[in-house]
Amino acid sequence: MLHDDSVPVVKVRCFAAGEVREIPVTVLRTVYWRKAGADMPLLLVVIKPLGYRLRKGSKLLYRQPAFLICTDPQLELQMLLQAYIDRWEIECNHRDEKSLIGVTQGQVWNPLAVTRLRQFQVAI
């Protein structure tokens, strides 16, 4: 699908890296994969490699393509792609909560404080 010209490229608008961008994808709806279940229809989305520059005027580099398999073939492409893009921010947030805020290192002894500590740390 990555190099097949018979499958049309669709540009999906998503918010990424501080602005709305058009991300080129190819889509195959109603794909069947034996490991997922022979009778379960899937949605296959291939995100084309995106070009970027390390600094202005430098050589154009490309990211690796991404292959997404979704169990809901009727899901809106924009919603699927936006969730995929947002996952990195969520992972960075979890890392920061653990390392900077110390979510996993609470030192409280009161049973009521133990249940409320993580909620408090995440809130701050």
PDB file of N, CA and C in Angstrom:
ATOM      1  N   MET A   1       0.817  -1.205   0.000  1.00  0.00           N
ATOM      2  CA  MET A   1       0.000   0.000   0.000  1.00  0.00           C
ATOM      3  C   MET A   1       0.849   1.253   0.000  1.00  0.00           C
ATOM      4  N   LEU A   2       2.033   1.156   0.543  1.00  0.00           N
ATOM      5  CA  LEU A   2       2.886   2.338   0.652  1.00  0.00           C
ATOM      6  C   LEU A   2       3.325   2.834  -0.720  1.00  0.00           C
ATOM      7  N   HIS A   3       3.566   1.914  -1.641  1.00  0.00           N
ATOM      8  CA  HIS A   3       4.055   2.290  -2.972  1.00  0.00           C
ATOM      9  C   HIS A   3       3.059   1.991  -4.079  1.00  0.00           C
ATOM     10  N   ASP A   4       1.858   1.573  -3.741  1.00  0.00           N
ATOM     11  CA  ASP A   4       0.841   1.224  -4.723  1.00  0.00           C
ATOM     12  C   ASP A   4       0.103   2.482  -5.177  1.00  0.00           C
ATOM     13  N   ASP A   5       0.224   2.825  -6.450  1.00  0.00           N
ATOM     14  CA  ASP A   5      -0.417   4.037  -6.978  1.00  0.00           C
ATOM     15  C   ASP A   5      -1.910   3.860  -7.228  1.00  0.00           C
ATOM     16  N   SER A   6      -2.409   2.621  -7.192  1.00  0.00           N
ATOM     17  CA  SER A   6      -3.836   2.413  -7.424  1.00  0.00           C
ATOM     18  C   SER A   6      -4.678   2.793  -6.205  1.00  0.00           C
ATOM     19  N   VAL A   7      -4.057   2.855  -5.036  1.00  0.00           N
ATOM     20  CA  VAL A   7      -4.761   3.277  -3.819  1.00  0.00           C
ATOM     21  C   VAL A   7      -4.570   4.783  -3.677  1.00  0.00           C
ATOM     22  N   PRO A   8      -5.658   5.569  -3.676  1.00  0.00           N
ATOM     23  CA  PRO A   8      -5.518   7.025  -3.625  1.00  0.00           C
ATOM     24  C   PRO A   8      -4.998   7.519  -2.267  1.00  0.00           C
ATOM     25  N   VAL A   9      -4.240   8.598  -2.318  1.00  0.00           N
ATOM     26  CA  VAL A   9      -3.729   9.252  -1.109  1.00  0.00           C
ATOM     27  C   VAL A   9      -4.750  10.289  -0.664  1.00  0.00           C
ATOM     28  N   VAL A  10      -5.115  10.220   0.615  1.00  0.00           N
ATOM     29  CA  VAL A  10      -6.081  11.151   1.192  1.00  0.00           C
ATOM     30  C   VAL A  10      -5.330  12.041   2.164  1.00  0.00           C
ATOM     31  N   LYS A  11      -5.578  13.342   2.133  1.00  0.00           N
ATOM     32  CA  LYS A  11      -4.954  14.264   3.088  1.00  0.00           C
ATOM     33  C   LYS A  11      -5.951  14.549   4.200  1.00  0.00           C
ATOM     34  N   VAL A  12      -5.529  14.277   5.428  1.00  0.00           N
ATOM     35  CA  VAL A  12      -6.387  14.459   6.604  1.00  0.00           C
ATOM     36  C   VAL A  12      -5.816  15.592   7.439  1.00  0.00           C
ATOM     37  N   ARG A  13      -6.682  16.552   7.808  1.00  0.00           N
ATOM     38  CA  ARG A  13      -6.240  17.704   8.603  1.00  0.00           C
ATOM     39  C   ARG A  13      -6.259  17.336  10.081  1.00  0.00           C
ATOM     40  N   CYS A  14      -5.078  17.491  10.735  1.00  0.00           N
ATOM     41  CA  CYS A  14      -4.937  17.206  12.164  1.00  0.00           C
ATOM     42  C   CYS A  14      -4.044  18.256  12.798  1.00  0.00           C
ATOM     43  N   PHE A  15      -4.217  18.443  14.103  1.00  0.00           N
ATOM     44  CA  PHE A  15      -3.375  19.367  14.853  1.00  0.00           C
ATOM     45  C   PHE A  15      -2.145  18.610  15.330  1.00  0.00           C
ATOM     46  N   ALA A  16      -0.963  19.046  14.862  1.00  0.00           N
ATOM     47  CA  ALA A  16       0.289  18.404  15.248  1.00  0.00           C
ATOM     48  C   ALA A  16       1.398  19.441  15.275  1.00  0.00           C
ATOM     49  N   ALA A  17       2.249  19.368  16.276  1.00  0.00           N
ATOM     50  CA  ALA A  17       3.411  20.252  16.402  1.00  0.00           C
ATOM     51  C   ALA A  17       3.014  21.726  16.363  1.00  0.00           C
ATOM     52  N   GLY A  18       1.933  22.062  17.043  1.00  0.00           N
ATOM     53  CA  GLY A  18       1.556  23.459  17.203  1.00  0.00           C
ATOM     54  C   GLY A  18       0.734  24.084  16.099  1.00  0.00           C
ATOM     55  N   GLU A  19       0.392  23.336  15.082  1.00  0.00           N
ATOM     56  CA  GLU A  19      -0.439  23.898  14.012  1.00  0.00           C
ATOM     57  C   GLU A  19      -1.242  22.799  13.313  1.00  0.00           C
ATOM     58  N   VAL A  20      -2.245  23.219  12.553  1.00  0.00           N
ATOM     59  CA  VAL A  20      -3.052  22.266  11.791  1.00  0.00           C
ATOM     60  C   VAL A  20      -2.276  21.888  10.533  1.00  0.00           C
ATOM     61  N   ARG A  21      -2.123  20.598  10.322  1.00  0.00           N
ATOM     62  CA  ARG A  21      -1.355  20.106   9.169  1.00  0.00           C
ATOM     63  C   ARG A  21      -2.200  19.119   8.375  1.00  0.00           C
ATOM     64  N   GLU A  22      -1.844  18.960   7.118  1.00  0.00           N
ATOM     65  CA  GLU A  22      -2.483  17.955   6.271  1.00  0.00           C
ATOM     66  C   GLU A  22      -1.555  16.752   6.192  1.00  0.00           C
ATOM     67  N   ILE A  23      -2.036  15.622   6.677  1.00  0.00           N
ATOM     68  CA  ILE A  23      -1.218  14.412   6.743  1.00  0.00           C
ATOM     69  C   ILE A  23      -1.670  13.457   5.640  1.00  0.00           C
ATOM     70  N   PRO A  24      -0.752  13.049   4.757  1.00  0.00           N
ATOM     71  CA  PRO A  24      -1.124  12.143   3.659  1.00  0.00           C
ATOM     72  C   PRO A  24      -1.237  10.696   4.149  1.00  0.00           C
ATOM     73  N   VAL A  25      -2.366  10.074   3.864  1.00  0.00           N
ATOM     74  CA  VAL A  25      -2.597   8.682   4.264  1.00  0.00           C
ATOM     75  C   VAL A  25      -3.226   7.922   3.109  1.00  0.00           C
ATOM     76  N   THR A  26      -3.049   6.607   3.141  1.00  0.00           N
ATOM     77  CA  THR A  26      -3.804   5.724   2.249  1.00  0.00           C
ATOM     78  C   THR A  26      -4.660   4.838   3.146  1.00  0.00           C
ATOM     79  N   VAL A  27      -5.849   4.528   2.672  1.00  0.00           N
ATOM     80  CA  VAL A  27      -6.831   3.825   3.508  1.00  0.00           C
ATOM     81  C   VAL A  27      -7.386   2.621   2.761  1.00  0.00           C
ATOM     82  N   LEU A  28      -7.481   1.509   3.470  1.00  0.00           N
ATOM     83  CA  LEU A  28      -8.200   0.338   2.977  1.00  0.00           C
ATOM     84  C   LEU A  28      -9.252  -0.007   4.019  1.00  0.00           C
ATOM     85  N   ARG A  29     -10.499   0.077   3.628  1.00  0.00           N
ATOM     86  CA  ARG A  29     -11.584  -0.265   4.542  1.00  0.00           C
ATOM     87  C   ARG A  29     -11.971  -1.729   4.336  1.00  0.00           C
ATOM     88  N   THR A  30     -12.464  -2.334   5.355  1.00  0.00           N
ATOM     89  CA  THR A  30     -12.921  -3.723   5.350  1.00  0.00           C
ATOM     90  C   THR A  30     -11.812  -4.677   4.908  1.00  0.00           C
ATOM     91  N   VAL A  31     -10.754  -4.711   5.699  1.00  0.00           N
ATOM     92  CA  VAL A  31      -9.655  -5.651   5.515  1.00  0.00           C
ATOM     93  C   VAL A  31      -9.841  -6.760   6.548  1.00  0.00           C
ATOM     94  N   TYR A  32      -9.531  -7.987   6.170  1.00  0.00           N
ATOM     95  CA  TYR A  32      -9.647  -9.109   7.094  1.00  0.00           C
ATOM     96  C   TYR A  32      -8.258  -9.658   7.379  1.00  0.00           C
ATOM     97  N   TRP A  33      -7.996  -9.935   8.657  1.00  0.00           N
ATOM     98  CA  TRP A  33      -6.704 -10.446   9.085  1.00  0.00           C
ATOM     99  C   TRP A  33      -6.951 -11.628  10.006  1.00  0.00           C
ATOM    100  N   ARG A  34      -6.354 -12.746   9.711  1.00  0.00           N
ATOM    101  CA  ARG A  34      -6.623 -13.983  10.432  1.00  0.00           C
ATOM    102  C   ARG A  34      -6.342 -13.852  11.931  1.00  0.00           C
ATOM    103  N   LYS A  35      -5.263 -13.167  12.323  1.00  0.00           N
ATOM    104  CA  LYS A  35      -4.912 -13.052  13.744  1.00  0.00           C
ATOM    105  C   LYS A  35      -5.916 -12.212  14.523  1.00  0.00           C
ATOM    106  N   ALA A  36      -6.592 -11.292  13.863  1.00  0.00           N
ATOM    107  CA  ALA A  36      -7.589 -10.460  14.539  1.00  0.00           C
ATOM    108  C   ALA A  36      -8.948 -11.153  14.592  1.00  0.00           C
ATOM    109  N   GLY A  37      -9.111 -12.170  13.826  1.00  0.00           N
ATOM    110  CA  GLY A  37     -10.391 -12.863  13.723  1.00  0.00           C
ATOM    111  C   GLY A  37     -10.799 -12.883  12.267  1.00  0.00           C
ATOM    112  N   ALA A  38     -11.014 -14.042  11.737  1.00  0.00           N
ATOM    113  CA  ALA A  38     -11.267 -14.180  10.301  1.00  0.00           C
ATOM    114  C   ALA A  38     -12.519 -13.460   9.838  1.00  0.00           C
ATOM    115  N   ASP A  39     -13.470 -13.234  10.729  1.00  0.00           N
ATOM    116  CA  ASP A  39     -14.714 -12.588  10.323  1.00  0.00           C
ATOM    117  C   ASP A  39     -14.836 -11.153  10.837  1.00  0.00           C
ATOM    118  N   MET A  40     -13.747 -10.569  11.367  1.00  0.00           N
ATOM    119  CA  MET A  40     -13.793  -9.210  11.894  1.00  0.00           C
ATOM    120  C   MET A  40     -13.250  -8.219  10.860  1.00  0.00           C
ATOM    121  N   PRO A  41     -14.091  -7.304  10.356  1.00  0.00           N
ATOM    122  CA  PRO A  41     -13.596  -6.312   9.398  1.00  0.00           C
ATOM    123  C   PRO A  41     -12.723  -5.275  10.100  1.00  0.00           C
ATOM    124  N   LEU A  42     -11.624  -4.904   9.450  1.00  0.00           N
ATOM    125  CA  LEU A  42     -10.669  -3.946  10.010  1.00  0.00           C
ATOM    126  C   LEU A  42     -10.484  -2.770   9.061  1.00  0.00           C
ATOM    127  N   LEU A  43      -9.952  -1.695   9.595  1.00  0.00           N
ATOM    128  CA  LEU A  43      -9.597  -0.512   8.814  1.00  0.00           C
ATOM    129  C   LEU A  43      -8.079  -0.402   8.831  1.00  0.00           C
ATOM    130  N   LEU A  44      -7.447  -0.368   7.669  1.00  0.00           N
ATOM    131  CA  LEU A  44      -5.999  -0.240   7.570  1.00  0.00           C
ATOM    132  C   LEU A  44      -5.670   1.156   7.068  1.00  0.00           C
ATOM    133  N   VAL A  45      -4.860   1.882   7.837  1.00  0.00           N
ATOM    134  CA  VAL A  45      -4.447   3.240   7.470  1.00  0.00           C
ATOM    135  C   VAL A  45      -2.925   3.270   7.449  1.00  0.00           C
ATOM    136  N   VAL A  46      -2.361   3.724   6.342  1.00  0.00           N
ATOM    137  CA  VAL A  46      -0.915   3.873   6.221  1.00  0.00           C
ATOM    138  C   VAL A  46      -0.613   5.363   6.144  1.00  0.00           C
ATOM    139  N   ILE A  47       0.145   5.856   7.131  1.00  0.00           N
ATOM    140  CA  ILE A  47       0.551   7.267   7.140  1.00  0.00           C
ATOM    141  C   ILE A  47       1.845   7.359   6.357  1.00  0.00           C
ATOM    142  N   LYS A  48       1.821   8.137   5.293  1.00  0.00           N
ATOM    143  CA  LYS A  48       3.002   8.297   4.443  1.00  0.00           C
ATOM    144  C   LYS A  48       4.125   8.966   5.232  1.00  0.00           C
ATOM    145  N   PRO A  49       5.381   8.689   4.913  1.00  0.00           N
ATOM    146  CA  PRO A  49       6.495   9.345   5.607  1.00  0.00           C
ATOM    147  C   PRO A  49       6.420  10.862   5.427  1.00  0.00           C
ATOM    148  N   LEU A  50       6.556  11.581   6.531  1.00  0.00           N
ATOM    149  CA  LEU A  50       6.486  13.040   6.492  1.00  0.00           C
ATOM    150  C   LEU A  50       7.885  13.622   6.413  1.00  0.00           C
ATOM    151  N   GLY A  51       8.063  14.616   5.558  1.00  0.00           N
ATOM    152  CA  GLY A  51       9.345  15.280   5.420  1.00  0.00           C
ATOM    153  C   GLY A  51       9.521  16.361   6.476  1.00  0.00           C
ATOM    154  N   TYR A  52      10.758  16.528   6.945  1.00  0.00           N
ATOM    155  CA  TYR A  52      11.067  17.583   7.913  1.00  0.00           C
ATOM    156  C   TYR A  52      12.519  18.005   7.737  1.00  0.00           C
ATOM    157  N   ARG A  53      12.840  19.180   8.232  1.00  0.00           N
ATOM    158  CA  ARG A  53      14.214  19.689   8.197  1.00  0.00           C
ATOM    159  C   ARG A  53      14.667  19.968   9.621  1.00  0.00           C
ATOM    160  N   LEU A  54      15.934  19.649   9.910  1.00  0.00           N
ATOM    161  CA  LEU A  54      16.458  19.919  11.239  1.00  0.00           C
ATOM    162  C   LEU A  54      16.609  21.423  11.469  1.00  0.00           C
ATOM    163  N   ARG A  55      16.943  22.143  10.418  1.00  0.00           N
ATOM    164  CA  ARG A  55      17.020  23.621  10.477  1.00  0.00           C
ATOM    165  C   ARG A  55      16.733  24.163   9.091  1.00  0.00           C
ATOM    166  N   LYS A  56      16.484  25.429   9.012  1.00  0.00           N
ATOM    167  CA  LYS A  56      16.125  26.060   7.744  1.00  0.00           C
ATOM    168  C   LYS A  56      17.243  25.869   6.709  1.00  0.00           C
ATOM    169  N   GLY A  57      16.864  25.389   5.536  1.00  0.00           N
ATOM    170  CA  GLY A  57      17.827  25.208   4.455  1.00  0.00           C
ATOM    171  C   GLY A  57      18.581  23.888   4.497  1.00  0.00           C
ATOM    172  N   SER A  58      18.363  23.065   5.517  1.00  0.00           N
ATOM    173  CA  SER A  58      19.076  21.784   5.591  1.00  0.00           C
ATOM    174  C   SER A  58      18.396  20.745   4.703  1.00  0.00           C
ATOM    175  N   LYS A  59      19.050  19.612   4.596  1.00  0.00           N
ATOM    176  CA  LYS A  59      18.548  18.514   3.769  1.00  0.00           C
ATOM    177  C   LYS A  59      17.185  18.036   4.284  1.00  0.00           C
ATOM    178  N   LEU A  60      16.291  17.681   3.364  1.00  0.00           N
ATOM    179  CA  LEU A  60      14.967  17.182   3.722  1.00  0.00           C
ATOM    180  C   LEU A  60      15.089  15.721   4.164  1.00  0.00           C
ATOM    181  N   LEU A  61      14.661  15.449   5.401  1.00  0.00           N
ATOM    182  CA  LEU A  61      14.689  14.101   5.958  1.00  0.00           C
ATOM    183  C   LEU A  61      13.260  13.586   6.053  1.00  0.00           C
ATOM    184  N   TYR A  62      13.107  12.281   6.172  1.00  0.00           N
ATOM    185  CA  TYR A  62      11.771  11.690   6.243  1.00  0.00           C
ATOM    186  C   TYR A  62      11.636  10.798   7.457  1.00  0.00           C
ATOM    187  N   ARG A  63      10.476  10.838   8.074  1.00  0.00           N
ATOM    188  CA  ARG A  63      10.148   9.938   9.177  1.00  0.00           C
ATOM    189  C   ARG A  63       9.750   8.580   8.593  1.00  0.00           C
ATOM    190  N   GLN A  64       9.669   7.588   9.456  1.00  0.00           N
ATOM    191  CA  GLN A  64       9.227   6.268   9.033  1.00  0.00           C
ATOM    192  C   GLN A  64       7.710   6.289   8.815  1.00  0.00           C
ATOM    193  N   PRO A  65       7.200   5.488   7.891  1.00  0.00           N
ATOM    194  CA  PRO A  65       5.742   5.408   7.734  1.00  0.00           C
ATOM    195  C   PRO A  65       5.127   4.731   8.947  1.00  0.00           C
ATOM    196  N   ALA A  66       3.848   5.000   9.177  1.00  0.00           N
ATOM    197  CA  ALA A  66       3.132   4.370  10.293  1.00  0.00           C
ATOM    198  C   ALA A  66       1.988   3.547   9.716  1.00  0.00           C
ATOM    199  N   PHE A  67       1.759   2.390  10.300  1.00  0.00           N
ATOM    200  CA  PHE A  67       0.696   1.494   9.867  1.00  0.00           C
ATOM    201  C   PHE A  67      -0.276   1.326  11.024  1.00  0.00           C
ATOM    202  N   LEU A  68      -1.515   1.754  10.840  1.00  0.00           N
ATOM    203  CA  LEU A  68      -2.530   1.679  11.885  1.00  0.00           C
ATOM    204  C   LEU A  68      -3.604   0.679  11.479  1.00  0.00           C
ATOM    205  N   ILE A  69      -3.982  -0.180  12.410  1.00  0.00           N
ATOM    206  CA  ILE A  69      -5.081  -1.114  12.198  1.00  0.00           C
ATOM    207  C   ILE A  69      -6.146  -0.782  13.226  1.00  0.00           C
ATOM    208  N   CYS A  70      -7.356  -0.538  12.750  1.00  0.00           N
ATOM    209  CA  CYS A  70      -8.464  -0.147  13.622  1.00  0.00           C
ATOM    210  C   CYS A  70      -9.579  -1.177  13.502  1.00  0.00           C
ATOM    211  N   THR A  71     -10.178  -1.536  14.637  1.00  0.00           N
ATOM    212  CA  THR A  71     -11.236  -2.541  14.625  1.00  0.00           C
ATOM    213  C   THR A  71     -12.599  -1.958  14.263  1.00  0.00           C
ATOM    214  N   ASP A  72     -12.672  -0.647  14.091  1.00  0.00           N
ATOM    215  CA  ASP A  72     -13.925  -0.001  13.687  1.00  0.00           C
ATOM    216  C   ASP A  72     -13.744   0.585  12.288  1.00  0.00           C
ATOM    217  N   PRO A  73     -14.152  -0.133  11.228  1.00  0.00           N
ATOM    218  CA  PRO A  73     -13.934   0.364   9.873  1.00  0.00           C
ATOM    219  C   PRO A  73     -14.726   1.626   9.547  1.00  0.00           C
ATOM    220  N   GLN A  74     -15.718   1.976  10.355  1.00  0.00           N
ATOM    221  CA  GLN A  74     -16.521   3.169  10.100  1.00  0.00           C
ATOM    222  C   GLN A  74     -16.005   4.392  10.856  1.00  0.00           C
ATOM    223  N   LEU A  75     -14.911   4.250  11.621  1.00  0.00           N
ATOM    224  CA  LEU A  75     -14.381   5.356  12.401  1.00  0.00           C
ATOM    225  C   LEU A  75     -13.888   6.473  11.490  1.00  0.00           C
ATOM    226  N   GLU A  76     -14.142   7.691  11.895  1.00  0.00           N
ATOM    227  CA  GLU A  76     -13.737   8.860  11.123  1.00  0.00           C
ATOM    228  C   GLU A  76     -12.205   8.950  11.108  1.00  0.00           C
ATOM    229  N   LEU A  77     -11.621   9.160   9.931  1.00  0.00           N
ATOM    230  CA  LEU A  77     -10.163   9.202   9.785  1.00  0.00           C
ATOM    231  C   LEU A  77      -9.526  10.297  10.627  1.00  0.00           C
ATOM    232  N   GLN A  78     -10.146  11.467  10.666  1.00  0.00           N
ATOM    233  CA  GLN A  78      -9.584  12.580  11.419  1.00  0.00           C
ATOM    234  C   GLN A  78      -9.488  12.231  12.899  1.00  0.00           C
ATOM    235  N   MET A  79     -10.475  11.551  13.437  1.00  0.00           N
ATOM    236  CA  MET A  79     -10.471  11.177  14.855  1.00  0.00           C
ATOM    237  C   MET A  79      -9.383  10.135  15.130  1.00  0.00           C
ATOM    238  N   LEU A  80      -9.241   9.165  14.252  1.00  0.00           N
ATOM    239  CA  LEU A  80      -8.230   8.133  14.418  1.00  0.00           C
ATOM    240  C   LEU A  80      -6.824   8.729  14.373  1.00  0.00           C
ATOM    241  N   LEU A  81      -6.556   9.575  13.382  1.00  0.00           N
ATOM    242  CA  LEU A  81      -5.236  10.173  13.253  1.00  0.00           C
ATOM    243  C   LEU A  81      -4.918  11.115  14.402  1.00  0.00           C
ATOM    244  N   GLN A  82      -5.890  11.900  14.838  1.00  0.00           N
ATOM    245  CA  GLN A  82      -5.645  12.833  15.940  1.00  0.00           C
ATOM    246  C   GLN A  82      -5.316  12.067  17.224  1.00  0.00           C
ATOM    247  N   ALA A  83      -5.999  10.953  17.472  1.00  0.00           N
ATOM    248  CA  ALA A  83      -5.698  10.127  18.652  1.00  0.00           C
ATOM    249  C   ALA A  83      -4.292   9.539  18.550  1.00  0.00           C
ATOM    250  N   TYR A  84      -3.893   9.122  17.351  1.00  0.00           N
ATOM    251  CA  TYR A  84      -2.547   8.578  17.150  1.00  0.00           C
ATOM    252  C   TYR A  84      -1.489   9.645  17.404  1.00  0.00           C
ATOM    253  N   ILE A  85      -1.719  10.851  16.938  1.00  0.00           N
ATOM    254  CA  ILE A  85      -0.764  11.949  17.136  1.00  0.00           C
ATOM    255  C   ILE A  85      -0.698  12.344  18.610  1.00  0.00           C
ATOM    256  N   ASP A  86      -1.843  12.378  19.285  1.00  0.00           N
ATOM    257  CA  ASP A  86      -1.892  12.808  20.686  1.00  0.00           C
ATOM    258  C   ASP A  86      -1.255  11.797  21.633  1.00  0.00           C
ATOM    259  N   ARG A  87      -1.090  10.556  21.227  1.00  0.00           N
ATOM    260  CA  ARG A  87      -0.558   9.546  22.124  1.00  0.00           C
ATOM    261  C   ARG A  87       0.843   9.906  22.608  1.00  0.00           C
ATOM    262  N   TRP A  88       1.638  10.600  21.800  1.00  0.00           N
ATOM    263  CA  TRP A  88       2.991  10.974  22.224  1.00  0.00           C
ATOM    264  C   TRP A  88       2.946  11.978  23.374  1.00  0.00           C
ATOM    265  N   GLU A  89       2.034  12.932  23.300  1.00  0.00           N
ATOM    266  CA  GLU A  89       1.887  13.894  24.391  1.00  0.00           C
ATOM    267  C   GLU A  89       1.472  13.195  25.675  1.00  0.00           C
ATOM    268  N   ILE A  90       0.615  12.202  25.572  1.00  0.00           N
ATOM    269  CA  ILE A  90       0.171  11.456  26.746  1.00  0.00           C
ATOM    270  C   ILE A  90       1.337  10.685  27.355  1.00  0.00           C
ATOM    271  N   GLU A  91       2.165  10.060  26.511  1.00  0.00           N
ATOM    272  CA  GLU A  91       3.321   9.323  27.014  1.00  0.00           C
ATOM    273  C   GLU A  91       4.310  10.250  27.707  1.00  0.00           C
ATOM    274  N   CYS A  92       4.553  11.431  27.138  1.00  0.00           N
ATOM    275  CA  CYS A  92       5.454  12.404  27.766  1.00  0.00           C
ATOM    276  C   CYS A  92       4.881  12.880  29.099  1.00  0.00           C
ATOM    277  N   ASN A  93       3.570  13.072  29.167  1.00  0.00           N
ATOM    278  CA  ASN A  93       2.937  13.483  30.417  1.00  0.00           C
ATOM    279  C   ASN A  93       3.121  12.420  31.492  1.00  0.00           C
ATOM    280  N   HIS A  94       2.947  11.150  31.143  1.00  0.00           N
ATOM    281  CA  HIS A  94       3.136  10.075  32.124  1.00  0.00           C
ATOM    282  C   HIS A  94       4.577  10.051  32.619  1.00  0.00           C
ATOM    283  N   ARG A  95       5.526  10.212  31.721  1.00  0.00           N
ATOM    284  CA  ARG A  95       6.942  10.231  32.123  1.00  0.00           C
ATOM    285  C   ARG A  95       7.220  11.382  33.079  1.00  0.00           C
ATOM    286  N   ASP A  96       6.687  12.576  32.764  1.00  0.00           N
ATOM    287  CA  ASP A  96       6.901  13.730  33.629  1.00  0.00           C
ATOM    288  C   ASP A  96       6.261  13.545  34.997  1.00  0.00           C
ATOM    289  N   GLU A  97       5.067  12.965  35.022  1.00  0.00           N
ATOM    290  CA  GLU A  97       4.403  12.723  36.306  1.00  0.00           C
ATOM    291  C   GLU A  97       5.217  11.777  37.178  1.00  0.00           C
ATOM    292  N   LYS A  98       5.842  10.791  36.571  1.00  0.00           N
ATOM    293  CA  LYS A  98       6.618   9.825  37.346  1.00  0.00           C
ATOM    294  C   LYS A  98       7.967  10.381  37.768  1.00  0.00           C
ATOM    295  N   SER A  99       8.675  11.050  36.863  1.00  0.00           N
ATOM    296  CA  SER A  99      10.037  11.479  37.177  1.00  0.00           C
ATOM    297  C   SER A  99      10.111  12.849  37.848  1.00  0.00           C
ATOM    298  N   LEU A 100       9.347  13.823  37.388  1.00  0.00           N
ATOM    299  CA  LEU A 100       9.446  15.173  37.942  1.00  0.00           C
ATOM    300  C   LEU A 100       8.569  15.377  39.177  1.00  0.00           C
ATOM    301  N   ILE A 101       7.328  14.923  39.110  1.00  0.00           N
ATOM    302  CA  ILE A 101       6.402  15.130  40.216  1.00  0.00           C
ATOM    303  C   ILE A 101       6.556  14.034  41.261  1.00  0.00           C
ATOM    304  N   GLY A 102       7.000  12.859  40.863  1.00  0.00           N
ATOM    305  CA  GLY A 102       7.197  11.762  41.797  1.00  0.00           C
ATOM    306  C   GLY A 102       5.913  11.045  42.157  1.00  0.00           C
ATOM    307  N   VAL A 103       5.049  10.823  41.171  1.00  0.00           N
ATOM    308  CA  VAL A 103       3.762  10.191  41.425  1.00  0.00           C
ATOM    309  C   VAL A 103       3.920   8.825  42.082  1.00  0.00           C
ATOM    310  N   THR A 104       4.959   8.098  41.748  1.00  0.00           N
ATOM    311  CA  THR A 104       5.124   6.746  42.298  1.00  0.00           C
ATOM    312  C   THR A 104       5.923   6.720  43.592  1.00  0.00           C
ATOM    313  N   GLN A 105       6.300   7.890  44.139  1.00  0.00           N
ATOM    314  CA  GLN A 105       7.173   7.913  45.312  1.00  0.00           C
ATOM    315  C   GLN A 105       6.543   8.637  46.497  1.00  0.00           C
ATOM    316  N   GLY A 106       5.265   8.498  46.692  1.00  0.00           N
ATOM    317  CA  GLY A 106       4.587   9.186  47.788  1.00  0.00           C
ATOM    318  C   GLY A 106       4.983   8.620  49.149  1.00  0.00           C
ATOM    319  N   GLN A 107       5.115   9.510  50.140  1.00  0.00           N
ATOM    320  CA  GLN A 107       5.454   9.094  51.495  1.00  0.00           C
ATOM    321  C   GLN A 107       4.381   9.600  52.456  1.00  0.00           C
ATOM    322  N   VAL A 108       3.271   8.918  52.481  1.00  0.00           N
ATOM    323  CA  VAL A 108       2.170   9.267  53.382  1.00  0.00           C
ATOM    324  C   VAL A 108       1.781   8.010  54.151  1.00  0.00           C
ATOM    325  N   TRP A 109       1.245   8.210  55.370  1.00  0.00           N
ATOM    326  CA  TRP A 109       0.923   7.068  56.216  1.00  0.00           C
ATOM    327  C   TRP A 109      -0.565   6.950  56.523  1.00  0.00           C
ATOM    328  N   ASN A 110      -1.269   8.040  56.445  1.00  0.00           N
ATOM    329  CA  ASN A 110      -2.696   8.025  56.718  1.00  0.00           C
ATOM    330  C   ASN A 110      -3.416   7.297  55.566  1.00  0.00           C
ATOM    331  N   PRO A 111      -4.271   6.318  55.842  1.00  0.00           N
ATOM    332  CA  PRO A 111      -4.948   5.584  54.760  1.00  0.00           C
ATOM    333  C   PRO A 111      -5.754   6.493  53.825  1.00  0.00           C
ATOM    334  N   LEU A 112      -6.344   7.542  54.332  1.00  0.00           N
ATOM    335  CA  LEU A 112      -7.095   8.467  53.483  1.00  0.00           C
ATOM    336  C   LEU A 112      -6.159   9.238  52.561  1.00  0.00           C
ATOM    337  N   ALA A 113      -4.984   9.602  53.076  1.00  0.00           N
ATOM    338  CA  ALA A 113      -4.004  10.331  52.268  1.00  0.00           C
ATOM    339  C   ALA A 113      -3.430   9.454  51.166  1.00  0.00           C
ATOM    340  N   VAL A 114      -3.290   8.163  51.440  1.00  0.00           N
ATOM    341  CA  VAL A 114      -2.750   7.240  50.439  1.00  0.00           C
ATOM    342  C   VAL A 114      -3.646   7.208  49.205  1.00  0.00           C
ATOM    343  N   THR A 115      -4.968   7.170  49.406  1.00  0.00           N
ATOM    344  CA  THR A 115      -5.880   7.114  48.264  1.00  0.00           C
ATOM    345  C   THR A 115      -5.967   8.434  47.526  1.00  0.00           C
ATOM    346  N   ARG A 116      -5.677   9.544  48.190  1.00  0.00           N
ATOM    347  CA  ARG A 116      -5.809  10.868  47.557  1.00  0.00           C
ATOM    348  C   ARG A 116      -4.509  11.409  46.976  1.00  0.00           C
ATOM    349  N   LEU A 117      -3.373  10.814  47.323  1.00  0.00           N
ATOM    350  CA  LEU A 117      -2.082  11.369  46.933  1.00  0.00           C
ATOM    351  C   LEU A 117      -1.897  11.439  45.425  1.00  0.00           C
ATOM    352  N   ARG A 118      -2.155  10.349  44.719  1.00  0.00           N
ATOM    353  CA  ARG A 118      -1.933  10.350  43.268  1.00  0.00           C
ATOM    354  C   ARG A 118      -2.834  11.351  42.574  1.00  0.00           C
ATOM    355  N   GLN A 119      -4.092  11.460  43.020  1.00  0.00           N
ATOM    356  CA  GLN A 119      -5.002  12.436  42.426  1.00  0.00           C
ATOM    357  C   GLN A 119      -4.473  13.850  42.641  1.00  0.00           C
ATOM    358  N   PHE A 120      -3.958  14.123  43.823  1.00  0.00           N
ATOM    359  CA  PHE A 120      -3.410  15.434  44.133  1.00  0.00           C
ATOM    360  C   PHE A 120      -2.192  15.737  43.273  1.00  0.00           C
ATOM    361  N   GLN A 121      -1.281  14.760  43.145  1.00  0.00           N
ATOM    362  CA  GLN A 121      -0.067  14.969  42.365  1.00  0.00           C
ATOM    363  C   GLN A 121      -0.369  15.195  40.886  1.00  0.00           C
ATOM    364  N   VAL A 122      -1.298  14.449  40.350  1.00  0.00           N
ATOM    365  CA  VAL A 122      -1.680  14.632  38.945  1.00  0.00           C
ATOM    366  C   VAL A 122      -2.353  15.992  38.747  1.00  0.00           C
ATOM    367  N   ALA A 123      -3.136  16.425  39.726  1.00  0.00           N
ATOM    368  CA  ALA A 123      -3.820  17.711  39.621  1.00  0.00           C
ATOM    369  C   ALA A 123      -2.833  18.868  39.610  1.00  0.00           C
ATOM    370  N   ILE A 124      -1.749  18.758  40.374  1.00  0.00           N
ATOM    371  CA  ILE A 124      -0.777  19.863  40.379  1.00  0.00           C
ATOM    372  C   ILE A 124       0.085  19.813  39.155  1.00  0.00           C
TER     373      ILE A 124
END
